[in-house]
């Protein structure tokens, strides 16, 4: 199973790839989503975990879907 740090890096890569694929700057993503520029940097670099609210905002702008997968550690949510 992937570590928590590893899953943050994976999420960050997915967000960055989708943003680049849509030819969107971080500033434009921040403006369209209402998520701060600094937060987007942290998410893309895998050093911070977005709140569910921010994740949903980013996914809406980037046309991504969120899928939650339960794991054996019920106290920790991974996405």
N, C-alpha and C. Protein backbone atom coordinates (compact mmCIF):
# COMPACT_ATOMS: atom_id res chain seq x y z
N UNK A 1 0.84 -1.17 0.00
CA UNK A 1 0.00 0.00 0.00
C UNK A 1 0.89 1.25 0.00
N UNK A 2 0.44 2.27 -0.66
CA UNK A 2 1.20 3.50 -0.76
C UNK A 2 1.14 4.27 0.56
N UNK A 3 2.24 4.90 0.94
CA UNK A 3 2.27 5.68 2.17
C UNK A 3 1.45 6.95 1.98
N UNK A 4 1.12 7.57 3.11
CA UNK A 4 0.36 8.82 3.08
C UNK A 4 1.13 9.87 2.27
N UNK A 5 2.44 9.97 2.51
CA UNK A 5 3.27 10.92 1.77
C UNK A 5 3.26 10.59 0.28
N UNK A 6 3.33 9.32 -0.02
CA UNK A 6 3.31 8.88 -1.42
C UNK A 6 2.00 9.20 -2.09
N UNK A 7 0.89 9.06 -1.38
CA UNK A 7 -0.41 9.36 -1.98
C UNK A 7 -0.57 10.86 -2.19
N UNK A 8 0.04 11.69 -1.34
CA UNK A 8 0.00 13.14 -1.57
C UNK A 8 0.79 13.49 -2.82
N UNK A 9 1.93 12.84 -3.02
CA UNK A 9 2.73 13.08 -4.23
C UNK A 9 1.95 12.65 -5.47
N UNK A 10 1.27 11.52 -5.40
CA UNK A 10 0.49 11.03 -6.53
C UNK A 10 -0.65 11.99 -6.85
N UNK A 11 -1.33 12.47 -5.82
CA UNK A 11 -2.41 13.45 -6.02
C UNK A 11 -1.84 14.72 -6.65
N UNK A 12 -0.71 15.19 -6.15
CA UNK A 12 -0.08 16.40 -6.67
C UNK A 12 0.29 16.26 -8.14
N UNK A 13 0.85 15.09 -8.49
CA UNK A 13 1.20 14.85 -9.90
C UNK A 13 -0.04 14.85 -10.78
N UNK A 14 -1.13 14.25 -10.30
CA UNK A 14 -2.37 14.19 -11.08
C UNK A 14 -2.94 15.59 -11.30
N UNK A 15 -2.94 16.41 -10.26
CA UNK A 15 -3.44 17.78 -10.40
C UNK A 15 -2.58 18.58 -11.37
N UNK A 16 -1.26 18.47 -11.21
CA UNK A 16 -0.34 19.21 -12.07
C UNK A 16 -0.48 18.77 -13.54
N UNK A 17 -0.54 17.45 -13.75
CA UNK A 17 -0.67 16.94 -15.12
C UNK A 17 -1.94 17.46 -15.77
N UNK A 18 -3.05 17.40 -15.05
CA UNK A 18 -4.33 17.84 -15.62
C UNK A 18 -4.30 19.34 -15.90
N UNK A 19 -3.70 20.10 -15.00
CA UNK A 19 -3.61 21.56 -15.20
C UNK A 19 -2.77 21.85 -16.43
N UNK A 20 -1.62 21.20 -16.54
CA UNK A 20 -0.73 21.40 -17.70
C UNK A 20 -1.44 20.98 -18.99
N UNK A 21 -2.14 19.84 -18.92
CA UNK A 21 -2.86 19.32 -20.07
C UNK A 21 -3.91 20.31 -20.57
N UNK A 22 -4.48 21.06 -19.65
CA UNK A 22 -5.48 22.06 -19.99
C UNK A 22 -4.86 23.43 -20.27
N UNK A 23 -3.51 23.47 -20.28
CA UNK A 23 -2.77 24.71 -20.54
C UNK A 23 -3.22 25.85 -19.62
N UNK A 24 -3.29 25.50 -18.33
CA UNK A 24 -3.77 26.44 -17.33
C UNK A 24 -2.65 26.74 -16.34
N UNK A 25 -2.42 28.00 -16.07
CA UNK A 25 -1.42 28.38 -15.07
C UNK A 25 -1.99 28.13 -13.67
N UNK A 26 -1.11 28.10 -12.69
CA UNK A 26 -1.56 27.97 -11.30
C UNK A 26 -2.42 29.17 -10.91
N UNK A 27 -2.04 30.34 -11.40
CA UNK A 27 -2.80 31.55 -11.10
C UNK A 27 -4.22 31.45 -11.64
N UNK A 28 -4.35 30.98 -12.87
CA UNK A 28 -5.67 30.85 -13.47
C UNK A 28 -6.50 29.80 -12.73
N UNK A 29 -5.87 28.68 -12.35
CA UNK A 29 -6.57 27.66 -11.58
C UNK A 29 -7.03 28.22 -10.24
N UNK A 30 -6.18 28.99 -9.60
CA UNK A 30 -6.55 29.61 -8.33
C UNK A 30 -7.75 30.55 -8.51
N UNK A 31 -7.71 31.37 -9.55
CA UNK A 31 -8.81 32.30 -9.82
C UNK A 31 -10.12 31.57 -10.10
N UNK A 32 -10.06 30.54 -10.93
CA UNK A 32 -11.28 29.81 -11.33
C UNK A 32 -11.85 28.96 -10.20
N UNK A 33 -10.97 28.41 -9.35
CA UNK A 33 -11.42 27.48 -8.31
C UNK A 33 -11.71 28.15 -6.98
N UNK A 34 -11.09 29.30 -6.74
CA UNK A 34 -11.23 29.93 -5.43
C UNK A 34 -10.28 29.34 -4.39
N UNK A 35 -9.37 28.47 -4.83
CA UNK A 35 -8.35 27.89 -3.95
C UNK A 35 -7.11 28.75 -4.09
N UNK A 36 -6.46 29.06 -2.99
CA UNK A 36 -5.33 29.98 -3.04
C UNK A 36 -4.17 29.42 -3.87
N UNK A 37 -3.45 30.32 -4.49
CA UNK A 37 -2.27 29.98 -5.29
C UNK A 37 -1.27 29.20 -4.45
N UNK A 38 -1.03 29.65 -3.23
CA UNK A 38 -0.07 28.99 -2.34
C UNK A 38 -0.50 27.56 -2.00
N UNK A 39 -1.81 27.36 -1.84
CA UNK A 39 -2.31 26.01 -1.56
C UNK A 39 -2.10 25.10 -2.76
N UNK A 40 -2.36 25.61 -3.95
CA UNK A 40 -2.16 24.81 -5.16
C UNK A 40 -0.70 24.39 -5.29
N UNK A 41 0.22 25.30 -5.01
CA UNK A 41 1.64 24.95 -5.04
C UNK A 41 1.91 23.80 -4.06
N UNK A 42 1.41 23.92 -2.85
CA UNK A 42 1.64 22.89 -1.83
C UNK A 42 1.03 21.55 -2.24
N UNK A 43 -0.16 21.57 -2.81
CA UNK A 43 -0.80 20.32 -3.24
C UNK A 43 0.00 19.68 -4.37
N UNK A 44 0.39 20.47 -5.35
CA UNK A 44 1.11 19.93 -6.50
C UNK A 44 2.49 19.37 -6.12
N UNK A 45 3.09 19.92 -5.08
CA UNK A 45 4.39 19.43 -4.63
C UNK A 45 4.26 18.32 -3.59
N UNK A 46 3.02 17.97 -3.25
CA UNK A 46 2.80 16.87 -2.32
C UNK A 46 3.18 17.15 -0.89
N UNK A 47 3.18 18.42 -0.51
CA UNK A 47 3.54 18.76 0.87
C UNK A 47 2.34 19.13 1.73
N UNK A 48 1.17 19.19 1.13
CA UNK A 48 -0.05 19.49 1.88
C UNK A 48 -1.20 18.69 1.28
N UNK A 49 -2.14 18.36 2.13
CA UNK A 49 -3.32 17.62 1.70
C UNK A 49 -4.48 18.59 1.61
N UNK A 50 -5.15 18.64 0.47
CA UNK A 50 -6.28 19.56 0.36
C UNK A 50 -7.46 19.10 1.20
N UNK A 51 -8.22 20.05 1.69
CA UNK A 51 -9.47 19.69 2.34
C UNK A 51 -10.38 19.11 1.26
N UNK A 52 -11.39 18.41 1.66
CA UNK A 52 -12.33 17.85 0.68
C UNK A 52 -12.97 18.98 -0.12
N UNK A 53 -13.27 20.07 0.53
CA UNK A 53 -13.88 21.23 -0.15
C UNK A 53 -12.95 21.75 -1.26
N UNK A 54 -11.67 21.94 -0.93
CA UNK A 54 -10.72 22.44 -1.94
C UNK A 54 -10.50 21.42 -3.05
N UNK A 55 -10.42 20.14 -2.67
CA UNK A 55 -10.24 19.11 -3.67
C UNK A 55 -11.41 19.11 -4.66
N UNK A 56 -12.61 19.22 -4.16
CA UNK A 56 -13.78 19.23 -5.04
C UNK A 56 -13.80 20.47 -5.94
N UNK A 57 -13.37 21.60 -5.41
CA UNK A 57 -13.29 22.82 -6.23
C UNK A 57 -12.30 22.64 -7.37
N UNK A 58 -11.13 22.10 -7.06
CA UNK A 58 -10.11 21.88 -8.08
C UNK A 58 -10.59 20.86 -9.12
N UNK A 59 -11.20 19.80 -8.65
CA UNK A 59 -11.70 18.77 -9.56
C UNK A 59 -12.78 19.31 -10.49
N UNK A 60 -13.60 20.19 -9.98
CA UNK A 60 -14.64 20.78 -10.82
C UNK A 60 -14.02 21.58 -11.97
N UNK A 61 -13.05 22.41 -11.65
CA UNK A 61 -12.39 23.24 -12.67
C UNK A 61 -11.59 22.38 -13.63
N UNK A 62 -10.92 21.34 -13.12
CA UNK A 62 -10.07 20.49 -13.95
C UNK A 62 -10.83 19.33 -14.59
N UNK A 63 -12.13 19.24 -14.33
CA UNK A 63 -12.97 18.17 -14.87
C UNK A 63 -12.43 16.79 -14.49
N UNK A 64 -12.19 16.64 -13.18
CA UNK A 64 -11.73 15.37 -12.62
C UNK A 64 -12.81 14.82 -11.68
N UNK A 65 -12.76 13.53 -11.42
CA UNK A 65 -13.67 12.91 -10.47
C UNK A 65 -12.89 12.43 -9.26
N UNK A 66 -13.55 12.48 -8.11
CA UNK A 66 -12.95 11.98 -6.87
C UNK A 66 -13.54 10.61 -6.60
N UNK A 67 -12.66 9.65 -6.35
CA UNK A 67 -13.09 8.30 -5.98
C UNK A 67 -12.45 7.98 -4.64
N UNK A 68 -13.27 7.68 -3.66
CA UNK A 68 -12.77 7.32 -2.34
C UNK A 68 -12.67 5.80 -2.26
N UNK A 69 -11.54 5.34 -1.76
CA UNK A 69 -11.30 3.91 -1.64
C UNK A 69 -11.03 3.58 -0.17
N UNK A 70 -11.89 2.78 0.44
CA UNK A 70 -11.65 2.43 1.84
C UNK A 70 -10.41 1.55 1.96
N UNK A 71 -9.74 1.68 3.10
CA UNK A 71 -8.59 0.82 3.38
C UNK A 71 -8.70 0.29 4.80
N UNK A 72 -7.72 -0.47 5.22
CA UNK A 72 -7.83 -1.07 6.54
C UNK A 72 -7.72 -0.07 7.67
N UNK A 73 -7.13 1.07 7.43
CA UNK A 73 -7.00 2.11 8.46
C UNK A 73 -8.17 3.07 8.33
N UNK A 74 -9.26 2.74 9.02
CA UNK A 74 -10.50 3.50 8.87
C UNK A 74 -10.39 4.93 9.38
N UNK A 75 -9.38 5.22 10.22
CA UNK A 75 -9.22 6.56 10.76
C UNK A 75 -8.54 7.51 9.81
N UNK A 76 -8.03 7.00 8.68
CA UNK A 76 -7.30 7.84 7.75
C UNK A 76 -7.97 7.76 6.37
N UNK A 77 -8.26 8.90 5.81
CA UNK A 77 -8.88 8.96 4.50
C UNK A 77 -7.80 9.19 3.45
N UNK A 78 -7.79 8.35 2.43
CA UNK A 78 -6.84 8.52 1.33
C UNK A 78 -7.61 8.76 0.06
N UNK A 79 -7.10 9.69 -0.75
CA UNK A 79 -7.69 9.94 -2.06
C UNK A 79 -6.65 10.37 -3.02
